Amino acid sequence: MDKIYVTPILVSAAVVLATYLMKKDELDSTKKPNYVILFLVCLGISGGIVYISSSNDDSINLVMKEIDIGECPF
């Protein structure tokens, strides 16, 4: 259960750190990213991936059934 919380935070922090190191010498303020928004977006994406990959197969099948409109005609 700890993997669900720790991994997304570490991934998000690594992405923000890498972005900061690449953009720290940027003089134009319009090209600098918003680090809070970047952290939250990365946290959401990586949290969703970790949650889906760590849960059992039933949740993946439920998601696939929601995406699928009906039975395959062939």
PDB file of N, CA and C in Angstrom:
ATOM      1  N   MET A   1       0.824  -1.194   0.000  1.00  0.00           N
ATOM      2  CA  MET A   1       0.000   0.000   0.000  1.00  0.00           C
ATOM      3  C   MET A   1       0.870   1.260   0.000  1.00  0.00           C
ATOM      4  N   ASP A   2       2.061   1.174   0.556  1.00  0.00           N
ATOM      5  CA  ASP A   2       2.939   2.333   0.574  1.00  0.00           C
ATOM      6  C   ASP A   2       3.417   2.700  -0.824  1.00  0.00           C
ATOM      7  N   LYS A   3       3.503   1.688  -1.698  1.00  0.00           N
ATOM      8  CA  LYS A   3       3.952   1.937  -3.061  1.00  0.00           C
ATOM      9  C   LYS A   3       2.997   2.878  -3.789  1.00  0.00           C
ATOM     10  N   ILE A   4       1.720   2.826  -3.439  1.00  0.00           N
ATOM     11  CA  ILE A   4       0.730   3.670  -4.092  1.00  0.00           C
ATOM     12  C   ILE A   4       0.980   5.137  -3.774  1.00  0.00           C
ATOM     13  N   TYR A   5       1.513   5.444  -2.605  1.00  0.00           N
ATOM     14  CA  TYR A   5       1.732   6.831  -2.211  1.00  0.00           C
ATOM     15  C   TYR A   5       3.147   7.320  -2.497  1.00  0.00           C
ATOM     16  N   VAL A   6       4.135   6.469  -2.279  1.00  0.00           N
ATOM     17  CA  VAL A   6       5.529   6.899  -2.364  1.00  0.00           C
ATOM     18  C   VAL A   6       6.002   7.025  -3.806  1.00  0.00           C
ATOM     19  N   THR A   7       5.697   6.069  -4.640  1.00  0.00           N
ATOM     20  CA  THR A   7       6.199   6.074  -6.011  1.00  0.00           C
ATOM     21  C   THR A   7       5.751   7.294  -6.804  1.00  0.00           C
ATOM     22  N   PRO A   8       4.461   7.674  -6.795  1.00  0.00           N
ATOM     23  CA  PRO A   8       4.078   8.879  -7.546  1.00  0.00           C
ATOM     24  C   PRO A   8       4.744  10.153  -7.044  1.00  0.00           C
ATOM     25  N   ILE A   9       4.962  10.261  -5.748  1.00  0.00           N
ATOM     26  CA  ILE A   9       5.620  11.447  -5.205  1.00  0.00           C
ATOM     27  C   ILE A   9       7.073  11.507  -5.665  1.00  0.00           C
ATOM     28  N   LEU A  10       7.756  10.364  -5.646  1.00  0.00           N
ATOM     29  CA  LEU A  10       9.154  10.336  -6.090  1.00  0.00           C
ATOM     30  C   LEU A  10       9.273  10.623  -7.586  1.00  0.00           C
ATOM     31  N   VAL A  11       8.382  10.059  -8.377  1.00  0.00           N
ATOM     32  CA  VAL A  11       8.408  10.299  -9.821  1.00  0.00           C
ATOM     33  C   VAL A  11       8.138  11.771 -10.116  1.00  0.00           C
ATOM     34  N   SER A  12       7.139  12.336  -9.454  1.00  0.00           N
ATOM     35  CA  SER A  12       6.796  13.746  -9.673  1.00  0.00           C
ATOM     36  C   SER A  12       7.929  14.660  -9.246  1.00  0.00           C
ATOM     37  N   ALA A  13       8.545  14.360  -8.126  1.00  0.00           N
ATOM     38  CA  ALA A  13       9.672  15.174  -7.663  1.00  0.00           C
ATOM     39  C   ALA A  13      10.857  15.077  -8.630  1.00  0.00           C
ATOM     40  N   ALA A  14      11.096  13.898  -9.183  1.00  0.00           N
ATOM     41  CA  ALA A  14      12.193  13.732 -10.138  1.00  0.00           C
ATOM     42  C   ALA A  14      11.926  14.513 -11.424  1.00  0.00           C
ATOM     43  N   VAL A  15      10.684  14.519 -11.892  1.00  0.00           N
ATOM     44  CA  VAL A  15      10.339  15.269 -13.100  1.00  0.00           C
ATOM     45  C   VAL A  15      10.500  16.768 -12.866  1.00  0.00           C
ATOM     46  N   VAL A  16      10.033  17.248 -11.719  1.00  0.00           N
ATOM     47  CA  VAL A  16      10.163  18.671 -11.409  1.00  0.00           C
ATOM     48  C   VAL A  16      11.629  19.057 -11.250  1.00  0.00           C
ATOM     49  N   LEU A  17      12.414  18.228 -10.605  1.00  0.00           N
ATOM     50  CA  LEU A  17      13.842  18.512 -10.448  1.00  0.00           C
ATOM     51  C   LEU A  17      14.552  18.548 -11.801  1.00  0.00           C
ATOM     52  N   ALA A  18      14.256  17.583 -12.661  1.00  0.00           N
ATOM     53  CA  ALA A  18      14.878  17.563 -13.986  1.00  0.00           C
ATOM     54  C   ALA A  18      14.468  18.785 -14.804  1.00  0.00           C
ATOM     55  N   THR A  19      13.207  19.171 -14.713  1.00  0.00           N
ATOM     56  CA  THR A  19      12.742  20.358 -15.427  1.00  0.00           C
ATOM     57  C   THR A  19      13.413  21.611 -14.881  1.00  0.00           C
ATOM     58  N   TYR A  20      13.538  21.693 -13.569  1.00  0.00           N
ATOM     59  CA  TYR A  20      14.194  22.848 -12.958  1.00  0.00           C
ATOM     60  C   TYR A  20      15.651  22.949 -13.401  1.00  0.00           C
ATOM     61  N   LEU A  21      16.348  21.813 -13.410  1.00  0.00           N
ATOM     62  CA  LEU A  21      17.758  21.830 -13.806  1.00  0.00           C
ATOM     63  C   LEU A  21      17.927  22.224 -15.265  1.00  0.00           C
ATOM     64  N   MET A  22      16.961  21.865 -16.114  1.00  0.00           N
ATOM     65  CA  MET A  22      17.048  22.238 -17.522  1.00  0.00           C
ATOM     66  C   MET A  22      16.697  23.705 -17.754  1.00  0.00           C
ATOM     67  N   LYS A  23      15.782  24.241 -16.965  1.00  0.00           N
ATOM     68  CA  LYS A  23      15.265  25.586 -17.207  1.00  0.00           C
ATOM     69  C   LYS A  23      15.771  26.644 -16.225  1.00  0.00           C
ATOM     70  N   LYS A  24      16.725  26.335 -15.359  1.00  0.00           N
ATOM     71  CA  LYS A  24      17.128  27.290 -14.325  1.00  0.00           C
ATOM     72  C   LYS A  24      17.863  28.494 -14.887  1.00  0.00           C
ATOM     73  N   ASP A  25      18.515  28.348 -16.018  1.00  0.00           N
ATOM     74  CA  ASP A  25      19.249  29.466 -16.605  1.00  0.00           C
ATOM     75  C   ASP A  25      18.436  30.234 -17.639  1.00  0.00           C
ATOM     76  N   GLU A  26      17.175  29.903 -17.769  1.00  0.00           N
ATOM     77  CA  GLU A  26      16.298  30.572 -18.736  1.00  0.00           C
ATOM     78  C   GLU A  26      16.029  32.001 -18.282  1.00  0.00           C
ATOM     79  N   LEU A  27      16.283  32.959 -19.167  1.00  0.00           N
ATOM     80  CA  LEU A  27      16.094  34.367 -18.826  1.00  0.00           C
ATOM     81  C   LEU A  27      14.669  34.841 -19.100  1.00  0.00           C
ATOM     82  N   ASP A  28      14.021  34.256 -20.086  1.00  0.00           N
ATOM     83  CA  ASP A  28      12.658  34.656 -20.440  1.00  0.00           C
ATOM     84  C   ASP A  28      11.678  34.022 -19.455  1.00  0.00           C
ATOM     85  N   SER A  29      10.954  34.852 -18.736  1.00  0.00           N
ATOM     86  CA  SER A  29      10.049  34.326 -17.703  1.00  0.00           C
ATOM     87  C   SER A  29       8.824  33.630 -18.293  1.00  0.00           C
ATOM     88  N   THR A  30       8.516  33.883 -19.557  1.00  0.00           N
ATOM     89  CA  THR A  30       7.359  33.216 -20.171  1.00  0.00           C
ATOM     90  C   THR A  30       7.673  31.769 -20.531  1.00  0.00           C
ATOM     91  N   LYS A  31       8.940  31.424 -20.616  1.00  0.00           N
ATOM     92  CA  LYS A  31       9.332  30.052 -20.955  1.00  0.00           C
ATOM     93  C   LYS A  31       9.558  29.174 -19.731  1.00  0.00           C
ATOM     94  N   LYS A  32       9.511  29.765 -18.535  1.00  0.00           N
ATOM     95  CA  LYS A  32       9.696  28.976 -17.323  1.00  0.00           C
ATOM     96  C   LYS A  32       8.376  28.289 -16.964  1.00  0.00           C
ATOM     97  N   PRO A  33       8.430  27.017 -16.650  1.00  0.00           N
ATOM     98  CA  PRO A  33       7.188  26.299 -16.309  1.00  0.00           C
ATOM     99  C   PRO A  33       6.702  26.637 -14.901  1.00  0.00           C
ATOM    100  N   ASN A  34       5.446  26.388 -14.663  1.00  0.00           N
ATOM    101  CA  ASN A  34       4.872  26.516 -13.328  1.00  0.00           C
ATOM    102  C   ASN A  34       5.125  25.184 -12.622  1.00  0.00           C
ATOM    103  N   TYR A  35       6.025  25.187 -11.668  1.00  0.00           N
ATOM    104  CA  TYR A  35       6.470  23.943 -11.052  1.00  0.00           C
ATOM    105  C   TYR A  35       5.396  23.277 -10.199  1.00  0.00           C
ATOM    106  N   VAL A  36       4.512  24.045  -9.611  1.00  0.00           N
ATOM    107  CA  VAL A  36       3.426  23.466  -8.804  1.00  0.00           C
ATOM    108  C   VAL A  36       2.469  22.698  -9.702  1.00  0.00           C
ATOM    109  N   ILE A  37       2.088  23.311 -10.815  1.00  0.00           N
ATOM    110  CA  ILE A  37       1.186  22.645 -11.752  1.00  0.00           C
ATOM    111  C   ILE A  37       1.853  21.407 -12.343  1.00  0.00           C
ATOM    112  N   LEU A  38       3.117  21.521 -12.692  1.00  0.00           N
ATOM    113  CA  LEU A  38       3.853  20.376 -13.225  1.00  0.00           C
ATOM    114  C   LEU A  38       3.898  19.230 -12.218  1.00  0.00           C
ATOM    115  N   PHE A  39       4.146  19.546 -10.948  1.00  0.00           N
ATOM    116  CA  PHE A  39       4.183  18.515  -9.909  1.00  0.00           C
ATOM    117  C   PHE A  39       2.816  17.843  -9.753  1.00  0.00           C
ATOM    118  N   LEU A  40       1.749  18.634  -9.732  1.00  0.00           N
ATOM    119  CA  LEU A  40       0.414  18.067  -9.541  1.00  0.00           C
ATOM    120  C   LEU A  40      -0.031  17.215 -10.730  1.00  0.00           C
ATOM    121  N   VAL A  41       0.296  17.648 -11.941  1.00  0.00           N
ATOM    122  CA  VAL A  41      -0.055  16.854 -13.127  1.00  0.00           C
ATOM    123  C   VAL A  41       0.714  15.538 -13.124  1.00  0.00           C
ATOM    124  N   CYS A  42       2.000  15.597 -12.840  1.00  0.00           N
ATOM    125  CA  CYS A  42       2.805  14.375 -12.768  1.00  0.00           C
ATOM    126  C   CYS A  42       2.326  13.460 -11.653  1.00  0.00           C
ATOM    127  N   LEU A  43       1.937  14.049 -10.541  1.00  0.00           N
ATOM    128  CA  LEU A  43       1.422  13.264  -9.424  1.00  0.00           C
ATOM    129  C   LEU A  43       0.136  12.538  -9.812  1.00  0.00           C
ATOM    130  N   GLY A  44      -0.743  13.217 -10.499  1.00  0.00           N
ATOM    131  CA  GLY A  44      -1.988  12.594 -10.930  1.00  0.00           C
ATOM    132  C   GLY A  44      -1.772  11.484 -11.940  1.00  0.00           C
ATOM    133  N   ILE A  45      -0.928  11.730 -12.930  1.00  0.00           N
ATOM    134  CA  ILE A  45      -0.675  10.725 -13.961  1.00  0.00           C
ATOM    135  C   ILE A  45       0.045   9.516 -13.380  1.00  0.00           C
ATOM    136  N   SER A  46       1.104   9.745 -12.632  1.00  0.00           N
ATOM    137  CA  SER A  46       1.850   8.609 -12.079  1.00  0.00           C
ATOM    138  C   SER A  46       1.040   7.886 -11.005  1.00  0.00           C
ATOM    139  N   GLY A  47       0.227   8.615 -10.243  1.00  0.00           N
ATOM    140  CA  GLY A  47      -0.646   7.962  -9.262  1.00  0.00           C
ATOM    141  C   GLY A  47      -1.673   7.065  -9.920  1.00  0.00           C
ATOM    142  N   GLY A  48      -2.233   7.528 -11.022  1.00  0.00           N
ATOM    143  CA  GLY A  48      -3.193   6.695 -11.756  1.00  0.00           C
ATOM    144  C   GLY A  48      -2.555   5.449 -12.330  1.00  0.00           C
ATOM    145  N   ILE A  49      -1.364   5.601 -12.874  1.00  0.00           N
ATOM    146  CA  ILE A  49      -0.658   4.444 -13.438  1.00  0.00           C
ATOM    147  C   ILE A  49      -0.305   3.445 -12.346  1.00  0.00           C
ATOM    148  N   VAL A  50       0.189   3.920 -11.221  1.00  0.00           N
ATOM    149  CA  VAL A  50       0.554   3.020 -10.118  1.00  0.00           C
ATOM    150  C   VAL A  50      -0.693   2.348  -9.555  1.00  0.00           C
ATOM    151  N   TYR A  51      -1.792   3.086  -9.437  1.00  0.00           N
ATOM    152  CA  TYR A  51      -3.028   2.499  -8.902  1.00  0.00           C
ATOM    153  C   TYR A  51      -3.568   1.405  -9.818  1.00  0.00           C
ATOM    154  N   ILE A  52      -3.581   1.664 -11.110  1.00  0.00           N
ATOM    155  CA  ILE A  52      -4.102   0.661 -12.049  1.00  0.00           C
ATOM    156  C   ILE A  52      -3.182  -0.541 -12.118  1.00  0.00           C
ATOM    157  N   SER A  53      -1.863  -0.311 -12.109  1.00  0.00           N
ATOM    158  CA  SER A  53      -0.938  -1.435 -12.219  1.00  0.00           C
ATOM    159  C   SER A  53      -0.861  -2.249 -10.928  1.00  0.00           C
ATOM    160  N   SER A  54      -1.154  -1.645  -9.784  1.00  0.00           N
ATOM    161  CA  SER A  54      -1.054  -2.389  -8.530  1.00  0.00           C
ATOM    162  C   SER A  54      -2.359  -3.076  -8.143  1.00  0.00           C
ATOM    163  N   SER A  55      -3.460  -2.649  -8.732  1.00  0.00           N
ATOM    164  CA  SER A  55      -4.735  -3.275  -8.384  1.00  0.00           C
ATOM    165  C   SER A  55      -4.868  -4.605  -9.119  1.00  0.00           C
ATOM    166  N   ASN A  56      -5.849  -5.367  -8.712  1.00  0.00           N
ATOM    167  CA  ASN A  56      -6.026  -6.683  -9.325  1.00  0.00           C
ATOM    168  C   ASN A  56      -6.617  -6.547 -10.721  1.00  0.00           C
ATOM    169  N   ASP A  57      -6.742  -7.670 -11.418  1.00  0.00           N
ATOM    170  CA  ASP A  57      -7.186  -7.661 -12.809  1.00  0.00           C
ATOM    171  C   ASP A  57      -8.643  -7.259 -12.968  1.00  0.00           C
ATOM    172  N   ASP A  58      -9.435  -7.359 -11.917  1.00  0.00           N
ATOM    173  CA  ASP A  58     -10.854  -7.040 -12.030  1.00  0.00           C
ATOM    174  C   ASP A  58     -11.078  -5.578 -12.372  1.00  0.00           C
ATOM    175  N   SER A  59     -10.307  -4.674 -11.817  1.00  0.00           N
ATOM    176  CA  SER A  59     -10.509  -3.259 -12.110  1.00  0.00           C
ATOM    177  C   SER A  59     -10.143  -2.935 -13.553  1.00  0.00           C
ATOM    178  N   ILE A  60      -9.112  -3.591 -14.075  1.00  0.00           N
ATOM    179  CA  ILE A  60      -8.737  -3.362 -15.469  1.00  0.00           C
ATOM    180  C   ILE A  60      -9.835  -3.890 -16.377  1.00  0.00           C
ATOM    181  N   ASN A  61     -10.394  -5.048 -16.053  1.00  0.00           N
ATOM    182  CA  ASN A  61     -11.483  -5.583 -16.864  1.00  0.00           C
ATOM    183  C   ASN A  61     -12.712  -4.695 -16.783  1.00  0.00           C
ATOM    184  N   LEU A  62     -12.990  -4.116 -15.622  1.00  0.00           N
ATOM    185  CA  LEU A  62     -14.127  -3.206 -15.498  1.00  0.00           C
ATOM    186  C   LEU A  62     -13.928  -1.962 -16.351  1.00  0.00           C
ATOM    187  N   VAL A  63     -12.725  -1.427 -16.365  1.00  0.00           N
ATOM    188  CA  VAL A  63     -12.443  -0.259 -17.192  1.00  0.00           C
ATOM    189  C   VAL A  63     -12.590  -0.604 -18.658  1.00  0.00           C
ATOM    190  N   MET A  64     -12.088  -1.755 -19.053  1.00  0.00           N
ATOM    191  CA  MET A  64     -12.197  -2.157 -20.450  1.00  0.00           C
ATOM    192  C   MET A  64     -13.647  -2.389 -20.851  1.00  0.00           C
ATOM    193  N   LYS A  65     -14.468  -2.909 -19.945  1.00  0.00           N
ATOM    194  CA  LYS A  65     -15.886  -3.095 -20.254  1.00  0.00           C
ATOM    195  C   LYS A  65     -16.598  -1.754 -20.377  1.00  0.00           C
ATOM    196  N   GLU A  66     -16.181  -0.765 -19.600  1.00  0.00           N
ATOM    197  CA  GLU A  66     -16.783   0.563 -19.704  1.00  0.00           C
ATOM    198  C   GLU A  66     -16.418   1.220 -21.026  1.00  0.00           C
ATOM    199  N   ILE A  67     -15.210   0.990 -21.507  1.00  0.00           N
ATOM    200  CA  ILE A  67     -14.784   1.561 -22.780  1.00  0.00           C
ATOM    201  C   ILE A  67     -15.501   0.874 -23.932  1.00  0.00           C
ATOM    202  N   ASP A  68     -15.638  -0.442 -23.860  1.00  0.00           N
ATOM    203  CA  ASP A  68     -16.269  -1.218 -24.915  1.00  0.00           C
ATOM    204  C   ASP A  68     -17.779  -0.979 -24.902  1.00  0.00           C
ATOM    205  N   ILE A  69     -18.342  -0.722 -26.062  1.00  0.00           N
ATOM    206  CA  ILE A  69     -19.768  -0.430 -26.162  1.00  0.00           C
ATOM    207  C   ILE A  69     -20.605  -1.702 -26.076  1.00  0.00           C
ATOM    208  N   GLY A  70     -20.125  -2.757 -26.609  1.00  0.00           N
ATOM    209  CA  GLY A  70     -20.889  -3.992 -26.563  1.00  0.00           C
ATOM    210  C   GLY A  70     -20.037  -5.174 -27.004  1.00  0.00           C
ATOM    211  N   GLU A  71     -20.712  -6.260 -27.283  1.00  0.00           N
ATOM    212  CA  GLU A  71     -20.016  -7.464 -27.728  1.00  0.00           C
ATOM    213  C   GLU A  71     -19.474  -7.272 -29.150  1.00  0.00           C
ATOM    214  N   CYS A  72     -18.387  -7.926 -29.395  1.00  0.00           N
ATOM    215  CA  CYS A  72     -17.792  -7.868 -30.713  1.00  0.00           C
ATOM    216  C   CYS A  72     -18.663  -8.672 -31.687  1.00  0.00           C
ATOM    217  N   PRO A  73     -18.985  -8.137 -32.859  1.00  0.00           N
ATOM    218  CA  PRO A  73     -19.904  -8.836 -33.763  1.00  0.00           C
ATOM    219  C   PRO A  73     -19.343 -10.070 -34.435  1.00  0.00           C
ATOM    220  N   PHE A  74     -18.069 -10.339 -34.299  1.00  0.00           N
ATOM    221  CA  PHE A  74     -17.507 -11.532 -34.949  1.00  0.00           C
ATOM    222  C   PHE A  74     -16.920 -12.475 -33.952  1.00  0.00           C
TER     223      PHE A  74
END
